[in-house]
Protein backbone atom coordinates (compact mmCIF):
# COMPACT_ATOMS: atom_id res chain seq x y z
CA GLY A 1 -46.29 121.25 -32.73
CA LEU A 2 -47.64 124.65 -31.32
CA VAL A 3 -50.62 122.42 -30.12
CA LEU A 4 -48.22 119.86 -28.85
CA GLY A 5 -45.92 122.72 -27.22
CA PHE A 6 -48.49 124.32 -25.72
CA LEU A 7 -49.57 120.98 -24.43
CA SER A 8 -46.58 119.88 -22.43
CA VAL A 9 -46.51 124.08 -21.03
CA GLN A 10 -50.35 123.40 -19.27
CA THR A 11 -48.46 119.68 -17.93
CA ALA A 12 -45.44 121.35 -17.12
CA MET A 13 -47.43 124.36 -15.09
CA GLN A 14 -49.43 122.20 -13.28
CA ALA A 15 -47.06 119.62 -12.10
CA VAL A 16 -45.13 122.84 -10.66
CA GLY A 17 -48.82 123.89 -9.03
CA SER A 18 -49.18 120.61 -7.76
CA ALA A 19 -46.15 120.62 -6.21
CA LYS A 20 -46.56 124.44 -4.78
CA SER A 21 -49.96 122.56 -3.58
CA LEU A 22 -48.34 119.35 -1.74
CA ASN A 23 -45.30 121.76 -0.23
CA ALA A 24 -47.94 123.61 1.26
CA ALA A 25 -49.54 120.70 3.05
CA LEU A 26 -46.68 119.48 4.22
CA GLY A 27 -45.37 122.39 5.89
CA GLU A 28 -49.07 122.93 7.66
CA THR A 29 -48.33 119.30 8.68
CA ASN A 30 -44.04 119.91 10.15
CA THR A 31 -45.67 122.78 12.08
CA LEU A 32 -47.47 119.73 13.74
CA ILE A 33 -43.96 117.77 14.39
CA SER A 34 -41.68 120.80 14.42
CA GLY A 35 -39.73 119.31 17.10
CA MET A 36 -39.54 115.77 15.61
CA ASP A 37 -36.39 114.72 13.79
CA GLY A 38 -36.73 113.58 10.32
CA GLU A 39 -40.86 112.85 10.74
CA ILE A 40 -41.44 115.65 8.00
CA ASP A 41 -39.56 112.71 6.00
CA LYS A 42 -41.12 110.40 7.04
CA VAL A 43 -44.42 111.69 6.96
CA ALA A 44 -43.50 112.70 2.57
CA ALA A 45 -42.48 109.59 1.26
CA SER A 46 -45.53 108.18 3.32
CA ALA A 47 -47.89 110.09 1.42
CA ARG A 48 -46.05 109.53 -1.69
CA ASN A 49 -46.82 105.56 -1.06
CA LEU A 50 -50.18 105.91 -0.24
CA ALA A 51 -51.31 108.28 -2.69
CA ASP A 52 -49.51 105.60 -5.43
CA LEU A 53 -51.76 102.51 -3.51
CA TYR A 54 -55.37 104.42 -2.71
CA GLY A 55 -54.85 106.39 -6.06
CA THR A 56 -55.40 109.58 -4.44
CA SER A 57 -52.36 112.83 -4.73
CA ASP A 58 -49.71 113.11 -2.80
CA GLU A 59 -51.41 116.73 -1.26
CA GLN A 60 -54.58 114.99 -0.06
CA GLN A 61 -52.33 112.43 1.65
CA ALA A 62 -50.38 114.98 3.28
CA ARG A 63 -53.59 116.61 4.13
CA GLY A 64 -54.61 113.93 5.66
CA PHE A 65 -51.50 113.31 8.13
CA TYR A 66 -52.30 116.86 9.25
CA GLN A 67 -55.85 115.81 10.75
CA ALA A 68 -54.36 113.13 11.96
CA ILE A 69 -51.57 114.54 13.61
CA SER A 70 -53.97 116.85 15.16
CA SER A 71 -56.75 114.42 16.23
CA GLY A 72 -54.28 112.94 18.28
CA ALA A 73 -51.65 110.26 16.14
CA GLY A 74 -48.24 110.75 17.62
CA ASP A 75 -45.55 110.27 14.64
CA ALA A 76 -45.24 109.66 11.34
CA ALA A 77 -46.25 105.69 11.53
CA GLU A 78 -49.04 106.21 13.55
CA ALA A 79 -50.87 108.91 11.39
CA THR A 80 -49.96 106.00 8.09
CA GLU A 81 -52.02 103.32 10.19
CA LEU A 82 -54.25 105.54 10.27
CA LEU A 83 -54.89 106.89 6.68
CA HIS A 84 -54.91 102.78 5.28
CA SER A 85 -57.37 102.70 7.27
CA ALA A 86 -59.01 106.40 6.24
CA ASN A 87 -58.07 105.29 2.09
CA MET A 88 -59.96 102.38 2.37
CA LEU A 89 -63.24 104.04 3.96
CA ALA A 90 -62.74 106.35 1.81
CA ILE A 91 -62.98 103.99 -1.35
CA GLY A 92 -65.82 101.77 0.23
CA GLY A 93 -67.50 104.65 1.39
CA VAL A 94 -67.46 107.58 -1.68
CA THR A 95 -66.78 110.20 0.48
CA ASP A 96 -62.90 112.09 0.53
CA VAL A 97 -59.70 110.74 3.22
CA ALA A 98 -60.27 114.12 4.66
CA ALA A 99 -63.81 113.26 6.31
CA ALA A 100 -62.59 109.61 6.60
CA THR A 101 -59.44 110.51 9.01
CA GLY A 102 -61.39 113.19 10.64
CA ILE A 103 -63.67 110.56 12.17
CA LEU A 104 -61.62 107.92 12.34
CA GLY A 105 -58.78 110.23 14.67
CA THR A 106 -61.62 111.27 16.49
CA ALA A 107 -62.88 108.06 17.16
CA VAL A 108 -59.82 106.68 18.27
CA ASN A 109 -59.15 109.77 20.76
CA VAL A 110 -62.03 109.66 21.99
CA TYR A 111 -62.21 105.50 23.04
CA LYS A 112 -58.72 106.22 23.37
CA ALA A 113 -59.05 104.54 27.20
CA GLU A 114 -60.83 101.59 25.40
CA GLY A 115 -58.34 100.70 22.65
CA GLN A 116 -60.45 101.94 20.02
CA SER A 117 -58.14 101.09 16.78
CA ALA A 118 -58.77 102.98 13.19
CA ALA A 119 -59.48 99.31 11.64
CA ASP A 120 -62.31 98.62 14.00
CA ALA A 121 -63.88 102.27 13.57
CA SER A 122 -63.62 101.63 10.27
CA ASP A 123 -65.75 98.64 9.90
CA ALA A 124 -68.31 99.94 12.56
CA LEU A 125 -69.21 102.67 10.14
CA PHE A 126 -69.14 101.45 7.33
CA VAL A 127 -71.47 98.21 8.45
CA ALA A 128 -73.72 101.94 10.00
CA MET A 129 -73.45 102.92 5.76
CA LYS A 130 -75.32 99.49 5.13
CA SER A 131 -77.20 99.03 7.15
CA GLY A 132 -78.94 102.12 7.85
CA VAL A 133 -80.45 104.94 5.53
CA THR A 134 -76.93 107.16 6.52
CA THR A 135 -73.82 107.61 4.17
CA ILE A 136 -69.92 108.04 5.65
CA PRO A 137 -69.53 111.70 4.93
CA GLU A 138 -73.08 112.34 7.31
CA LEU A 139 -71.70 109.51 9.63
CA ALA A 140 -68.49 112.03 9.67
CA SER A 141 -69.67 115.52 10.29
CA ALA A 142 -72.27 114.10 12.80
CA LEU A 143 -71.05 111.43 14.92
CA GLY A 144 -68.55 113.64 16.92
CA ALA A 145 -70.90 115.81 18.70
CA VAL A 146 -72.00 112.58 20.74
CA LEU A 147 -68.87 110.46 21.29
CA PRO A 148 -67.67 111.77 24.04
CA TYR A 149 -71.40 111.42 25.64
CA SER A 150 -71.12 108.12 24.97
CA GLN A 151 -67.19 107.23 26.02
CA SER A 152 -68.48 108.59 29.42
CA LEU A 153 -71.43 106.27 29.71
CA GLY A 154 -69.45 102.95 28.73
CA VAL A 155 -71.30 103.42 25.36
CA SER A 156 -69.14 101.79 22.83
CA PHE A 157 -68.23 102.98 19.20
CA ASP A 158 -69.88 100.16 17.52
CA GLU A 159 -73.00 100.68 19.84
CA THR A 160 -73.39 104.12 19.05
CA ALA A 161 -72.57 103.67 15.17
CA ALA A 162 -75.35 101.16 15.34
CA ALA A 163 -78.21 102.70 17.03
CA VAL A 164 -77.53 105.66 14.84
CA ALA A 165 -78.01 103.57 11.76
CA ALA A 166 -81.35 101.92 13.61
CA LEU A 167 -82.49 105.43 14.01
CA THR A 168 -82.05 106.61 10.58
CA LYS A 169 -83.74 103.06 9.19
CA GLY A 170 -86.28 104.46 11.27
CA GLY A 171 -86.85 107.81 9.31
CA LEU A 172 -84.69 109.77 10.84
CA THR A 173 -81.90 112.05 8.97
CA THR A 174 -78.21 111.55 10.19
CA SER A 175 -78.07 114.88 12.25
CA VAL A 176 -81.25 114.09 13.35
CA ALA A 177 -80.11 110.78 14.79
CA THR A 178 -77.26 112.17 16.24
CA ASN A 179 -78.43 115.33 18.06
CA GLY A 180 -81.36 113.13 19.66
CA LEU A 181 -79.19 110.23 21.14
CA ARG A 182 -76.87 113.00 22.16
CA ALA A 183 -80.27 114.34 23.68
CA ALA A 184 -80.88 111.37 25.03
CA PHE A 185 -77.37 110.94 26.55
CA ASN A 186 -77.75 114.40 28.48
CA SER A 187 -80.79 113.23 29.43
CA ILE A 188 -79.41 110.14 31.54
CA LEU A 189 -76.65 111.61 32.61
CA ALA A 190 -79.10 114.23 34.55
CA PRO A 191 -82.72 113.16 34.71
CA THR A 192 -85.28 115.60 36.52
CA GLU A 193 -86.73 115.59 39.18
CA GLN A 194 -90.06 114.16 36.98
CA ALA A 195 -87.42 111.56 35.64
CA LYS A 196 -86.46 110.02 38.77
CA LYS A 197 -90.19 110.63 40.56
CA LEU A 198 -91.41 108.62 37.06
CA ALA A 199 -88.29 106.04 36.64
CA LYS A 200 -88.46 105.12 40.75
CA ASP A 201 -92.10 104.24 40.56
CA LEU A 202 -91.39 102.16 37.48
CA ASN A 203 -89.08 100.36 39.20
CA LEU A 204 -86.19 101.91 36.32
CA GLU A 205 -82.67 102.32 37.51
CA PHE A 206 -82.79 105.79 34.87
CA ASN A 207 -79.41 106.91 35.27
CA ALA A 208 -75.85 106.90 34.21
CA ALA A 209 -75.13 103.64 36.62
CA GLY A 210 -78.52 102.23 35.02
CA LEU A 211 -76.46 101.91 31.09
CA GLU A 212 -73.43 101.06 32.42
CA ALA A 213 -74.54 98.36 34.16
CA MET A 214 -77.18 97.53 31.50
CA GLY A 215 -75.32 98.67 28.41
CA LEU A 216 -76.89 100.52 25.87
CA ALA A 217 -79.18 97.40 24.42
CA GLY A 218 -80.43 95.98 28.04
CA PHE A 219 -80.88 99.80 28.96
CA LEU A 220 -83.24 100.62 25.80
CA ASP A 221 -84.91 97.11 25.98
CA ALA A 222 -86.24 97.94 30.36
CA VAL A 223 -86.95 101.66 29.38
CA THR A 224 -89.49 99.95 26.61
CA THR A 225 -90.69 97.79 29.09
CA ALA A 226 -91.34 99.61 31.64
CA THR A 227 -93.00 101.84 30.26
CA GLY A 228 -94.78 99.97 27.41
CA GLY A 229 -93.89 102.91 24.94
CA SER A 230 -95.75 105.32 26.77
CA ASN A 231 -95.38 108.22 24.82
CA VAL A 232 -96.19 110.63 27.88
CA GLN A 233 -93.67 108.20 30.24
CA LEU A 234 -91.24 108.64 27.34
CA GLN A 235 -90.93 112.46 27.06
CA THR A 236 -91.17 112.54 31.31
CA LEU A 237 -88.20 110.90 31.24
CA PHE A 238 -86.42 112.35 28.64
CA GLY A 239 -87.53 115.51 28.57
CA SER A 240 -86.64 117.30 24.92
CA THR A 241 -88.87 116.72 21.75
CA GLU A 242 -85.73 115.60 20.38
CA ALA A 243 -84.70 112.70 23.13
CA THR A 244 -88.53 111.72 23.24
CA ALA A 245 -88.17 111.12 18.97
CA VAL A 246 -85.04 108.47 20.07
CA ALA A 247 -87.06 106.58 22.62
CA LEU A 248 -89.76 106.28 20.26
CA GLY A 249 -88.20 105.28 17.76
CA PHE A 250 -86.39 102.74 19.39
CA ALA A 251 -89.58 101.53 21.37
CA GLY A 252 -90.61 100.82 17.92
CA SER A 253 -88.96 99.26 14.50
CA SER A 254 -85.45 101.18 14.92
CA GLY A 255 -85.11 98.72 18.29
CA GLN A 256 -85.61 95.31 15.94
CA SER A 257 -82.65 96.92 13.96
CA PHE A 258 -80.43 98.01 16.39
CA THR A 259 -80.69 94.85 18.15
CA GLU A 260 -79.65 93.05 14.38
């Protein structure tokens, strides 16, 4: 009897603790939608439904709502749609809802003008995980740094995820691949005078206009063909060590992986 009584007290205390944590998470979310009548009630109801549907806690879902709204979701309905994709990605990619919500929210926000959906971004990330030597948590923590560069150059989210996956398959870590890709994009956006001269000699349009016109796959193929994969010429074009490592990767096995 004493044992049962003790366990009952423990259960009750855990329930109270969970309720406090949920209320705190909802309170944080409410600060983002304080001027929208009835929205926090919709968030609370949706958090419960999502928790039941995906086998998580109400608190996790409420914190997911905070991230979704922070990243640009306009209301509870829009955030709920994002969280459905985030939960599925979290389960398939063995990560938490917060990480999945973060990267999907970033993708949708950065590529808003292109009509990027959370569901399509989730699919692209899952394919990148399966095809490369990377994980969803690694992609979630690293990809955000390169997406603004990709978007500004007309490179889609799918292509960016595929490029990182191909580079990891070629031996680079996810963070090194992402940083290198960002450095490569930066070199294309602002080529040095040496790069401009070499590109002219090679009859290569090594600039943002060339990348936008040919697409990432076509641009990389043109660079590889024009330079013949020469380390020296690629170094001159891309400048930094990080960007050159990416260029060399695409000139080798990573190029084929990216195409696939």
